[in-house]
Amino acid sequence: ERRDRVRTPAGALPLRDAGDRAAARKAVGRVLEEL
């Protein structure tokens, strides 16, 4: 439900729209795969 920046393993990322969320999935996924 949040639309602001959210702290993630890939840093603070915006979740304003579908594009932001898709970008966040990729960014966080890449970080998680390296841990």
Full PDB file with SEQRES, HELIX, SHEET, SSBOND, CRYST1, ORIGX, SCALE, CONECT and MASTER records, all heavy atoms in Angstrom:
SEQRES   1 A   35  GLU ARG ARG ASP ARG VAL ARG THR PRO ALA GLY ALA LEU          
SEQRES   2 A   35  PRO LEU ARG ASP ALA GLY ASP ARG ALA ALA ALA ARG LYS          
SEQRES   3 A   35  ALA VAL GLY ARG VAL LEU GLU GLU LEU                          
HELIX    1 AA1 ALA A   18  GLU A   34  1                                  17    
SHEET    1 AA1 2 ARG A   5  THR A   8  0                                        
SHEET    2 AA1 2 GLY A  11  PRO A  14 -1                                        
CRYST1    1.000    1.000    1.000  90.00  90.00  90.00 P 1           1          
ORIGX1      1.000000  0.000000  0.000000        0.00000                         
ORIGX2      0.000000  1.000000  0.000000        0.00000                         
ORIGX3      0.000000  0.000000  1.000000        0.00000                         
SCALE1      1.000000  0.000000  0.000000        0.00000                         
SCALE2      0.000000  1.000000  0.000000        0.00000                         
SCALE3      0.000000  0.000000  1.000000        0.00000                         
ATOM      1  N   GLU A   1       0.817  -1.209   0.000  1.00  0.00           N  
ATOM      2  CA  GLU A   1       0.000   0.000   0.000  1.00  0.00           C  
ATOM      3  C   GLU A   1       0.855   1.266   0.000  1.00  0.00           C  
ATOM      4  O   GLU A   1       0.398   2.329  -0.405  1.00  0.00           O  
ATOM      5  CB  GLU A   1      -0.921  -0.007   1.222  1.00  0.00           C  
ATOM      6  CG  GLU A   1      -1.951  -1.132   1.190  1.00  0.00           C  
ATOM      7  CD  GLU A   1      -2.906  -1.067   2.351  1.00  0.00           C  
ATOM      8  OE1 GLU A   1      -2.792  -0.119   3.169  1.00  0.00           O  
ATOM      9  OE2 GLU A   1      -3.775  -1.960   2.449  1.00  0.00           O  
ATOM     10  N   ARG A   2       2.090   1.148   0.396  1.00  0.00           N  
ATOM     11  CA  ARG A   2       2.970   2.313   0.448  1.00  0.00           C  
ATOM     12  C   ARG A   2       3.344   2.779  -0.948  1.00  0.00           C  
ATOM     13  O   ARG A   2       3.519   1.975  -1.867  1.00  0.00           O  
ATOM     14  CB  ARG A   2       4.225   1.992   1.257  1.00  0.00           C  
ATOM     15  CG  ARG A   2       3.938   1.791   2.740  1.00  0.00           C  
ATOM     16  CD  ARG A   2       5.192   1.530   3.510  1.00  0.00           C  
ATOM     17  NE  ARG A   2       6.178   2.600   3.397  1.00  0.00           N  
ATOM     18  CZ  ARG A   2       7.294   2.659   4.133  1.00  0.00           C  
ATOM     19  NH1 ARG A   2       7.543   1.707   5.018  1.00  0.00           N  
ATOM     20  NH2 ARG A   2       8.137   3.649   3.981  1.00  0.00           N  
ATOM     21  N   ARG A   3       3.458   4.092  -1.118  1.00  0.00           N  
ATOM     22  CA  ARG A   3       3.858   4.681  -2.390  1.00  0.00           C  
ATOM     23  C   ARG A   3       5.126   5.530  -2.253  1.00  0.00           C  
ATOM     24  O   ARG A   3       5.622   6.069  -3.232  1.00  0.00           O  
ATOM     25  CB  ARG A   3       2.726   5.573  -2.942  1.00  0.00           C  
ATOM     26  CG  ARG A   3       1.442   4.822  -3.272  1.00  0.00           C  
ATOM     27  CD  ARG A   3       1.642   3.879  -4.446  1.00  0.00           C  
ATOM     28  NE  ARG A   3       0.409   3.214  -4.859  1.00  0.00           N  
ATOM     29  CZ  ARG A   3      -0.021   2.081  -4.368  1.00  0.00           C  
ATOM     30  NH1 ARG A   3       0.673   1.461  -3.409  1.00  0.00           N  
ATOM     31  NH2 ARG A   3      -1.141   1.513  -4.803  1.00  0.00           N  
ATOM     32  N   ASP A   4       5.642   5.639  -1.030  1.00  0.00           N  
ATOM     33  CA  ASP A   4       6.833   6.442  -0.801  1.00  0.00           C  
ATOM     34  C   ASP A   4       8.071   5.576  -0.976  1.00  0.00           C  
ATOM     35  O   ASP A   4       8.005   4.428  -1.412  1.00  0.00           O  
ATOM     36  CB  ASP A   4       6.800   7.040   0.612  1.00  0.00           C  
ATOM     37  CG  ASP A   4       6.680   5.954   1.682  1.00  0.00           C  
ATOM     38  OD1 ASP A   4       6.223   4.837   1.353  1.00  0.00           O  
ATOM     39  OD2 ASP A   4       7.052   6.206   2.842  1.00  0.00           O  
ATOM     40  N   ARG A   5       9.236   6.128  -0.655  1.00  0.00           N  
ATOM     41  CA  ARG A   5      10.462   5.335  -0.686  1.00  0.00           C  
ATOM     42  C   ARG A   5      10.477   4.364   0.486  1.00  0.00           C  
ATOM     43  O   ARG A   5      10.107   4.707   1.604  1.00  0.00           O  
ATOM     44  CB  ARG A   5      11.688   6.252  -0.622  1.00  0.00           C  
ATOM     45  CG  ARG A   5      11.961   6.976  -1.928  1.00  0.00           C  
ATOM     46  CD  ARG A   5      13.241   7.791  -1.871  1.00  0.00           C  
ATOM     47  NE  ARG A   5      13.546   8.336  -3.181  1.00  0.00           N  
ATOM     48  CZ  ARG A   5      14.253   7.716  -4.108  1.00  0.00           C  
ATOM     49  NH1 ARG A   5      14.779   6.527  -3.856  1.00  0.00           N  
ATOM     50  NH2 ARG A   5      14.471   8.263  -5.284  1.00  0.00           N  
ATOM     51  N   VAL A   6      10.931   3.161   0.197  1.00  0.00           N  
ATOM     52  CA  VAL A   6      10.954   2.106   1.206  1.00  0.00           C  
ATOM     53  C   VAL A   6      12.378   1.573   1.304  1.00  0.00           C  
ATOM     54  O   VAL A   6      13.056   1.396   0.283  1.00  0.00           O  
ATOM     55  CB  VAL A   6       9.990   0.964   0.816  1.00  0.00           C  
ATOM     56  CG1 VAL A   6      10.143  -0.224   1.759  1.00  0.00           C  
ATOM     57  CG2 VAL A   6       8.558   1.458   0.804  1.00  0.00           C  
ATOM     58  N   ARG A   7      12.824   1.329   2.535  1.00  0.00           N  
ATOM     59  CA  ARG A   7      14.146   0.748   2.718  1.00  0.00           C  
ATOM     60  C   ARG A   7      14.122  -0.703   2.263  1.00  0.00           C  
ATOM     61  O   ARG A   7      13.301  -1.510   2.690  1.00  0.00           O  
ATOM     62  CB  ARG A   7      14.560   0.806   4.194  1.00  0.00           C  
ATOM     63  CG  ARG A   7      15.946   0.213   4.443  1.00  0.00           C  
ATOM     64  CD  ARG A   7      16.165  -0.154   5.898  1.00  0.00           C  
ATOM     65  NE  ARG A   7      17.397  -0.923   6.068  1.00  0.00           N  
ATOM     66  CZ  ARG A   7      17.515  -2.236   5.830  1.00  0.00           C  
ATOM     67  NH1 ARG A   7      16.476  -2.921   5.407  1.00  0.00           N  
ATOM     68  NH2 ARG A   7      18.676  -2.856   6.002  1.00  0.00           N  
ATOM     69  N   THR A   8      15.038  -1.046   1.356  1.00  0.00           N  
ATOM     70  CA  THR A   8      15.154  -2.405   0.839  1.00  0.00           C  
ATOM     71  C   THR A   8      16.619  -2.819   0.899  1.00  0.00           C  
ATOM     72  O   THR A   8      17.502  -1.987   1.131  1.00  0.00           O  
ATOM     73  CB  THR A   8      14.679  -2.488  -0.625  1.00  0.00           C  
ATOM     74  OG1 THR A   8      15.702  -1.970  -1.493  1.00  0.00           O  
ATOM     75  CG2 THR A   8      13.387  -1.711  -0.850  1.00  0.00           C  
ATOM     76  N   PRO A   9      16.923  -4.094   0.654  1.00  0.00           N  
ATOM     77  CA  PRO A   9      18.325  -4.518   0.594  1.00  0.00           C  
ATOM     78  C   PRO A   9      19.107  -3.816  -0.509  1.00  0.00           C  
ATOM     79  O   PRO A   9      20.341  -3.813  -0.479  1.00  0.00           O  
ATOM     80  CB  PRO A   9      18.218  -6.022   0.315  1.00  0.00           C  
ATOM     81  CG  PRO A   9      16.895  -6.412   0.871  1.00  0.00           C  
ATOM     82  CD  PRO A   9      16.005  -5.244   0.613  1.00  0.00           C  
ATOM     83  N   ALA A  10      18.399  -3.200  -1.464  1.00  0.00           N  
ATOM     84  CA  ALA A  10      19.063  -2.471  -2.543  1.00  0.00           C  
ATOM     85  C   ALA A  10      19.043  -0.967  -2.312  1.00  0.00           C  
ATOM     86  O   ALA A  10      19.314  -0.187  -3.229  1.00  0.00           O  
ATOM     87  CB  ALA A  10      18.398  -2.785  -3.883  1.00  0.00           C  
ATOM     88  N   GLY A  11      18.728  -0.560  -1.081  1.00  0.00           N  
ATOM     89  CA  GLY A  11      18.655   0.862  -0.765  1.00  0.00           C  
ATOM     90  C   GLY A  11      17.218   1.342  -0.695  1.00  0.00           C  
ATOM     91  O   GLY A  11      16.268   0.560  -0.823  1.00  0.00           O  
ATOM     92  N   ALA A  12      17.041   2.655  -0.502  1.00  0.00           N  
ATOM     93  CA  ALA A  12      15.698   3.236  -0.438  1.00  0.00           C  
ATOM     94  C   ALA A  12      15.151   3.380  -1.855  1.00  0.00           C  
ATOM     95  O   ALA A  12      15.719   4.091  -2.684  1.00  0.00           O  
ATOM     96  CB  ALA A  12      15.749   4.590   0.261  1.00  0.00           C  
ATOM     97  N   LEU A  13      14.050   2.706  -2.132  1.00  0.00           N  
ATOM     98  CA  LEU A  13      13.497   2.688  -3.486  1.00  0.00           C  
ATOM     99  C   LEU A  13      12.054   3.171  -3.468  1.00  0.00           C  
ATOM    100  O   LEU A  13      11.287   2.839  -2.552  1.00  0.00           O  
ATOM    101  CB  LEU A  13      13.545   1.267  -4.060  1.00  0.00           C  
ATOM    102  CG  LEU A  13      14.937   0.631  -4.194  1.00  0.00           C  
ATOM    103  CD1 LEU A  13      14.805  -0.809  -4.676  1.00  0.00           C  
ATOM    104  CD2 LEU A  13      15.806   1.432  -5.148  1.00  0.00           C  
ATOM    105  N   PRO A  14      11.643   3.935  -4.500  1.00  0.00           N  
ATOM    106  CA  PRO A  14      10.249   4.401  -4.577  1.00  0.00           C  
ATOM    107  C   PRO A  14       9.328   3.294  -5.074  1.00  0.00           C  
ATOM    108  O   PRO A  14       9.743   2.406  -5.829  1.00  0.00           O  
ATOM    109  CB  PRO A  14      10.326   5.544  -5.596  1.00  0.00           C  
ATOM    110  CG  PRO A  14      11.465   5.167  -6.493  1.00  0.00           C  
ATOM    111  CD  PRO A  14      12.459   4.463  -5.612  1.00  0.00           C  
ATOM    112  N   LEU A  15       8.071   3.350  -4.634  1.00  0.00           N  
ATOM    113  CA  LEU A  15       7.065   2.381  -5.075  1.00  0.00           C  
ATOM    114  C   LEU A  15       5.832   3.106  -5.601  1.00  0.00           C  
ATOM    115  O   LEU A  15       4.692   2.711  -5.354  1.00  0.00           O  
ATOM    116  CB  LEU A  15       6.677   1.453  -3.920  1.00  0.00           C  
ATOM    117  CG  LEU A  15       7.793   0.622  -3.282  1.00  0.00           C  
ATOM    118  CD1 LEU A  15       7.253  -0.212  -2.132  1.00  0.00           C  
ATOM    119  CD2 LEU A  15       8.459  -0.286  -4.309  1.00  0.00           C  
ATOM    120  N   ARG A  16       6.055   4.192  -6.364  1.00  0.00           N  
ATOM    121  CA  ARG A  16       4.946   5.044  -6.775  1.00  0.00           C  
ATOM    122  C   ARG A  16       4.017   4.391  -7.781  1.00  0.00           C  
ATOM    123  O   ARG A  16       2.812   4.602  -7.755  1.00  0.00           O  
ATOM    124  CB  ARG A  16       5.496   6.349  -7.378  1.00  0.00           C  
ATOM    125  CG  ARG A  16       6.247   7.227  -6.385  1.00  0.00           C  
ATOM    126  CD  ARG A  16       7.060   8.275  -7.100  1.00  0.00           C  
ATOM    127  NE  ARG A  16       8.069   7.653  -7.973  1.00  0.00           N  
ATOM    128  CZ  ARG A  16       9.056   8.317  -8.565  1.00  0.00           C  
ATOM    129  NH1 ARG A  16       9.168   9.617  -8.397  1.00  0.00           N  
ATOM    130  NH2 ARG A  16       9.921   7.670  -9.329  1.00  0.00           N  
ATOM    131  N   ASP A  17       4.572   3.604  -8.695  1.00  0.00           N  
ATOM    132  CA  ASP A  17       3.748   3.031  -9.760  1.00  0.00           C  
ATOM    133  C   ASP A  17       4.312   1.669 -10.168  1.00  0.00           C  
ATOM    134  O   ASP A  17       5.293   1.181  -9.590  1.00  0.00           O  
ATOM    135  CB  ASP A  17       3.685   3.986 -10.961  1.00  0.00           C  
ATOM    136  CG  ASP A  17       5.072   4.406 -11.442  1.00  0.00           C  
ATOM    137  OD1 ASP A  17       6.027   3.599 -11.342  1.00  0.00           O  
ATOM    138  OD2 ASP A  17       5.224   5.554 -11.924  1.00  0.00           O  
ATOM    139  N   ALA A  18       3.680   1.068 -11.181  1.00  0.00           N  
ATOM    140  CA  ALA A  18       4.088  -0.270 -11.615  1.00  0.00           C  
ATOM    141  C   ALA A  18       5.527  -0.292 -12.104  1.00  0.00           C  
ATOM    142  O   ALA A  18       6.252  -1.272 -11.890  1.00  0.00           O  
ATOM    143  CB  ALA A  18       3.148  -0.766 -12.718  1.00  0.00           C  
ATOM    144  N   GLY A  19       5.966   0.789 -12.741  1.00  0.00           N  
ATOM    145  CA  GLY A  19       7.341   0.850 -13.218  1.00  0.00           C  
ATOM    146  C   GLY A  19       8.337   0.840 -12.079  1.00  0.00           C  
ATOM    147  O   GLY A  19       9.359   0.133 -12.143  1.00  0.00           O  
ATOM    148  N   ASP A  20       8.059   1.614 -11.034  1.00  0.00           N  
ATOM    149  CA  ASP A  20       8.930   1.629  -9.850  1.00  0.00           C  
ATOM    150  C   ASP A  20       9.008   0.237  -9.220  1.00  0.00           C  
ATOM    151  O   ASP A  20      10.074  -0.225  -8.818  1.00  0.00           O  
ATOM    152  CB  ASP A  20       8.389   2.611  -8.809  1.00  0.00           C  
ATOM    153  CG  ASP A  20       8.729   4.060  -9.140  1.00  0.00           C  
ATOM    154  OD1 ASP A  20       9.558   4.288 -10.041  1.00  0.00           O  
ATOM    155  OD2 ASP A  20       8.166   4.954  -8.496  1.00  0.00           O  
ATOM    156  N   ARG A  21       7.869  -0.415  -9.137  1.00  0.00           N  
ATOM    157  CA  ARG A  21       7.822  -1.702  -8.461  1.00  0.00           C  
ATOM    158  C   ARG A  21       8.561  -2.780  -9.254  1.00  0.00           C  
ATOM    159  O   ARG A  21       9.245  -3.628  -8.677  1.00  0.00           O  
ATOM    160  CB  ARG A  21       6.363  -2.101  -8.210  1.00  0.00           C  
ATOM    161  CG  ARG A  21       5.731  -1.201  -7.141  1.00  0.00           C  
ATOM    162  CD  ARG A  21       4.209  -1.230  -7.166  1.00  0.00           C  
ATOM    163  NE  ARG A  21       3.715  -0.174  -6.283  1.00  0.00           N  
ATOM    164  CZ  ARG A  21       3.130  -0.402  -5.116  1.00  0.00           C  
ATOM    165  NH1 ARG A  21       2.954  -1.632  -4.689  1.00  0.00           N  
ATOM    166  NH2 ARG A  21       2.721   0.606  -4.367  1.00  0.00           N  
ATOM    167  N   ALA A  22       8.434  -2.730 -10.575  1.00  0.00           N  
ATOM    168  CA  ALA A  22       9.176  -3.675 -11.407  1.00  0.00           C  
ATOM    169  C   ALA A  22      10.676  -3.443 -11.265  1.00  0.00           C  
ATOM    170  O   ALA A  22      11.462  -4.400 -11.165  1.00  0.00           O  
ATOM    171  CB  ALA A  22       8.748  -3.531 -12.864  1.00  0.00           C  
ATOM    172  N   ALA A  23      11.087  -2.173 -11.256  1.00  0.00           N  
ATOM    173  CA  ALA A  23      12.503  -1.856 -11.090  1.00  0.00           C  
ATOM    174  C   ALA A  23      13.001  -2.299  -9.715  1.00  0.00           C  
ATOM    175  O   ALA A  23      14.129  -2.795  -9.578  1.00  0.00           O  
ATOM    176  CB  ALA A  23      12.723  -0.355 -11.277  1.00  0.00           C  
ATOM    177  N   ALA A  24      12.156  -2.130  -8.695  1.00  0.00           N  
ATOM    178  CA  ALA A  24      12.539  -2.544  -7.342  1.00  0.00           C  
ATOM    179  C   ALA A  24      12.703  -4.058  -7.268  1.00  0.00           C  
ATOM    180  O   ALA A  24      13.640  -4.554  -6.634  1.00  0.00           O  
ATOM    181  CB  ALA A  24      11.496  -2.074  -6.337  1.00  0.00           C  
ATOM    182  N   ARG A  25      11.813  -4.807  -7.915  1.00  0.00           N  
ATOM    183  CA  ARG A  25      11.940  -6.275  -7.913  1.00  0.00           C  
ATOM    184  C   ARG A  25      13.282  -6.701  -8.490  1.00  0.00           C  
ATOM    185  O   ARG A  25      13.962  -7.570  -7.941  1.00  0.00           O  
ATOM    186  CB  ARG A  25      10.811  -6.913  -8.725  1.00  0.00           C  
ATOM    187  CG  ARG A  25       9.468  -6.940  -8.043  1.00  0.00           C  
ATOM    188  CD  ARG A  25       8.558  -7.991  -8.670  1.00  0.00           C  
ATOM    189  NE  ARG A  25       8.449  -7.857 -10.112  1.00  0.00           N  
ATOM    190  CZ  ARG A  25       7.570  -7.085 -10.735  1.00  0.00           C  
ATOM    191  NH1 ARG A  25       6.733  -6.339 -10.022  1.00  0.00           N  
ATOM    192  NH2 ARG A  25       7.515  -7.047 -12.054  1.00  0.00           N  
ATOM    193  N   LYS A  26      13.668  -6.096  -9.609  1.00  0.00           N  
ATOM    194  CA  LYS A  26      14.934  -6.461 -10.246  1.00  0.00           C  
ATOM    195  C   LYS A  26      16.111  -6.082  -9.363  1.00  0.00           C  
ATOM    196  O   LYS A  26      17.050  -6.864  -9.182  1.00  0.00           O  
ATOM    197  CB  LYS A  26      15.045  -5.771 -11.604  1.00  0.00           C  
ATOM    198  CG  LYS A  26      14.086  -6.310 -12.651  1.00  0.00           C  
ATOM    199  CD  LYS A  26      14.276  -5.598 -13.983  1.00  0.00           C  
ATOM    200  CE  LYS A  26      13.302  -6.135 -15.024  1.00  0.00           C  
ATOM    201  NZ  LYS A  26      13.440  -5.429 -16.322  1.00  0.00           N  
ATOM    202  N   ALA A  27      16.075  -4.870  -8.811  1.00  0.00           N  
ATOM    203  CA  ALA A  27      17.196  -4.394  -8.003  1.00  0.00           C  
ATOM    204  C   ALA A  27      17.361  -5.231  -6.740  1.00  0.00           C  
ATOM    205  O   ALA A  27      18.473  -5.653  -6.400  1.00  0.00           O  
ATOM    206  CB  ALA A  27      16.987  -2.920  -7.642  1.00  0.00           C  
ATOM    207  N   VAL A  28      16.276  -5.485  -6.047  1.00  0.00           N  
ATOM    208  CA  VAL A  28      16.345  -6.261  -4.809  1.00  0.00           C  
ATOM    209  C   VAL A  28      16.717  -7.711  -5.119  1.00  0.00           C  
ATOM    210  O   VAL A  28      17.525  -8.321  -4.411  1.00  0.00           O  
ATOM    211  CB  VAL A  28      15.014  -6.196  -4.040  1.00  0.00           C  
ATOM    212  CG1 VAL A  28      15.060  -7.106  -2.812  1.00  0.00           C  
ATOM    213  CG2 VAL A  28      14.718  -4.755  -3.622  1.00  0.00           C  
ATOM    214  N   GLY A  29      16.153  -8.258  -6.190  1.00  0.00           N  
ATOM    215  CA  GLY A  29      16.470  -9.631  -6.570  1.00  0.00           C  
ATOM    216  C   GLY A  29      17.948  -9.823  -6.835  1.00  0.00           C  
ATOM    217  O   GLY A  29      18.541 -10.821  -6.414  1.00  0.00           O  
ATOM    218  N   ARG A  30      18.556  -8.858  -7.535  1.00  0.00           N  
ATOM    219  CA  ARG A  30      19.997  -8.964  -7.820  1.00  0.00           C  
ATOM    220  C   ARG A  30      20.807  -8.961  -6.537  1.00  0.00           C  
ATOM    221  O   ARG A  30      21.781  -9.711  -6.402  1.00  0.00           O  
ATOM    222  CB  ARG A  30      20.434  -7.801  -8.723  1.00  0.00           C  
ATOM    223  CG  ARG A  30      20.042  -7.964 -10.182  1.00  0.00           C  
ATOM    224  CD  ARG A  30      20.788  -6.994 -11.055  1.00  0.00           C  
ATOM    225  NE  ARG A  30      20.451  -5.605 -10.745  1.00  0.00           N  
ATOM    226  CZ  ARG A  30      19.500  -4.908 -11.351  1.00  0.00           C  
ATOM    227  NH1 ARG A  30      18.781  -5.469 -12.315  1.00  0.00           N  
ATOM    228  NH2 ARG A  30      19.259  -3.656 -11.021  1.00  0.00           N  
ATOM    229  N   VAL A  31      20.432  -8.124  -5.585  1.00  0.00           N  
ATOM    230  CA  VAL A  31      21.165  -8.065  -4.317  1.00  0.00           C  
ATOM    231  C   VAL A  31      21.000  -9.363  -3.541  1.00  0.00           C  
ATOM    232  O   VAL A  31      21.971  -9.930  -3.020  1.00  0.00           O  
ATOM    233  CB  VAL A  31      20.681  -6.865  -3.470  1.00  0.00           C  
ATOM    234  CG1 VAL A  31      21.267  -6.933  -2.064  1.00  0.00           C  
ATOM    235  CG2 VAL A  31      21.074  -5.548  -4.135  1.00  0.00           C  
ATOM    236  N   LEU A  32      19.776  -9.867  -3.451  1.00  0.00           N  
ATOM    237  CA  LEU A  32      19.527 -11.085  -2.684  1.00  0.00           C  
ATOM    238  C   LEU A  32      20.303 -12.269  -3.250  1.00  0.00           C  
ATOM    239  O   LEU A  32      20.794 -13.117  -2.493  1.00  0.00           O  
ATOM    240  CB  LEU A  32      18.030 -11.400  -2.658  1.00  0.00           C  
ATOM    241  CG  LEU A  32      17.135 -10.410  -1.908  1.00  0.00           C  
ATOM    242  CD1 LEU A  32      15.679 -10.863  -1.963  1.00  0.00           C  
ATOM    243  CD2 LEU A  32      17.577 -10.233  -0.465  1.00  0.00           C  
ATOM    244  N   GLU A  33      20.429 -12.332  -4.566  1.00  0.00           N  
ATOM    245  CA  GLU A  33      21.147 -13.446  -5.181  1.00  0.00           C  
ATOM    246  C   GLU A  33      22.637 -13.432  -4.857  1.00  0.00           C  
ATOM    247  O   GLU A  33      23.299 -14.467  -4.956  1.00  0.00           O  
ATOM    248  CB  GLU A  33      20.941 -13.422  -6.695  1.00  0.00           C  
ATOM    249  CG  GLU A  33      19.543 -13.854  -7.113  1.00  0.00           C  
ATOM    250  CD  GLU A  33      19.338 -13.796  -8.613  1.00  0.00           C  
ATOM    251  OE1 GLU A  33      20.189 -13.177  -9.297  1.00  0.00           O  
ATOM    252  OE2 GLU A  33      18.352 -14.357  -9.104  1.00  0.00           O  
ATOM    253  N   GLU A  34      23.165 -12.264  -4.490  1.00  0.00           N  
ATOM    254  CA  GLU A  34      24.592 -12.156  -4.179  1.00  0.00           C  
ATOM    255  C   GLU A  34      24.899 -12.450  -2.714  1.00  0.00           C  
ATOM    256  O   GLU A  34      26.048 -12.672  -2.352  1.00  0.00           O  
ATOM    257  CB  GLU A  34      25.102 -10.754  -4.536  1.00  0.00           C  
ATOM    258  CG  GLU A  34      25.097 -10.457  -6.034  1.00  0.00           C  
ATOM    259  CD  GLU A  34      25.935 -11.469  -6.809  1.00  0.00           C  
ATOM    260  OE1 GLU A  34      27.055 -11.795  -6.349  1.00  0.00           O  
ATOM    261  OE2 GLU A  34      25.478 -11.939  -7.863  1.00  0.00           O  
ATOM    262  N   LEU A  35      23.878 -12.442  -1.856  1.00  0.00           N  
ATOM    263  CA  LEU A  35      24.083 -12.665  -0.423  1.00  0.00           C  
ATOM    264  C   LEU A  35      24.128 -14.157  -0.116  1.00  0.00           C  
ATOM    265  O   LEU A  35      23.635 -14.981  -0.884  1.00  0.00           O  
ATOM    266  CB  LEU A  35      22.942 -12.017   0.371  1.00  0.00           C  
ATOM    267  CG  LEU A  35      22.789 -10.494   0.244  1.00  0.00           C  
ATOM    268  CD1 LEU A  35      21.527 -10.040   0.968  1.00  0.00           C  
ATOM    269  CD2 LEU A  35      24.020  -9.773   0.791  1.00  0.00           C  
TER     270      LEU A  35                                                      
MASTER        0    0    0    1    2    0    0    6  269    1    0    3          
END                                                                             
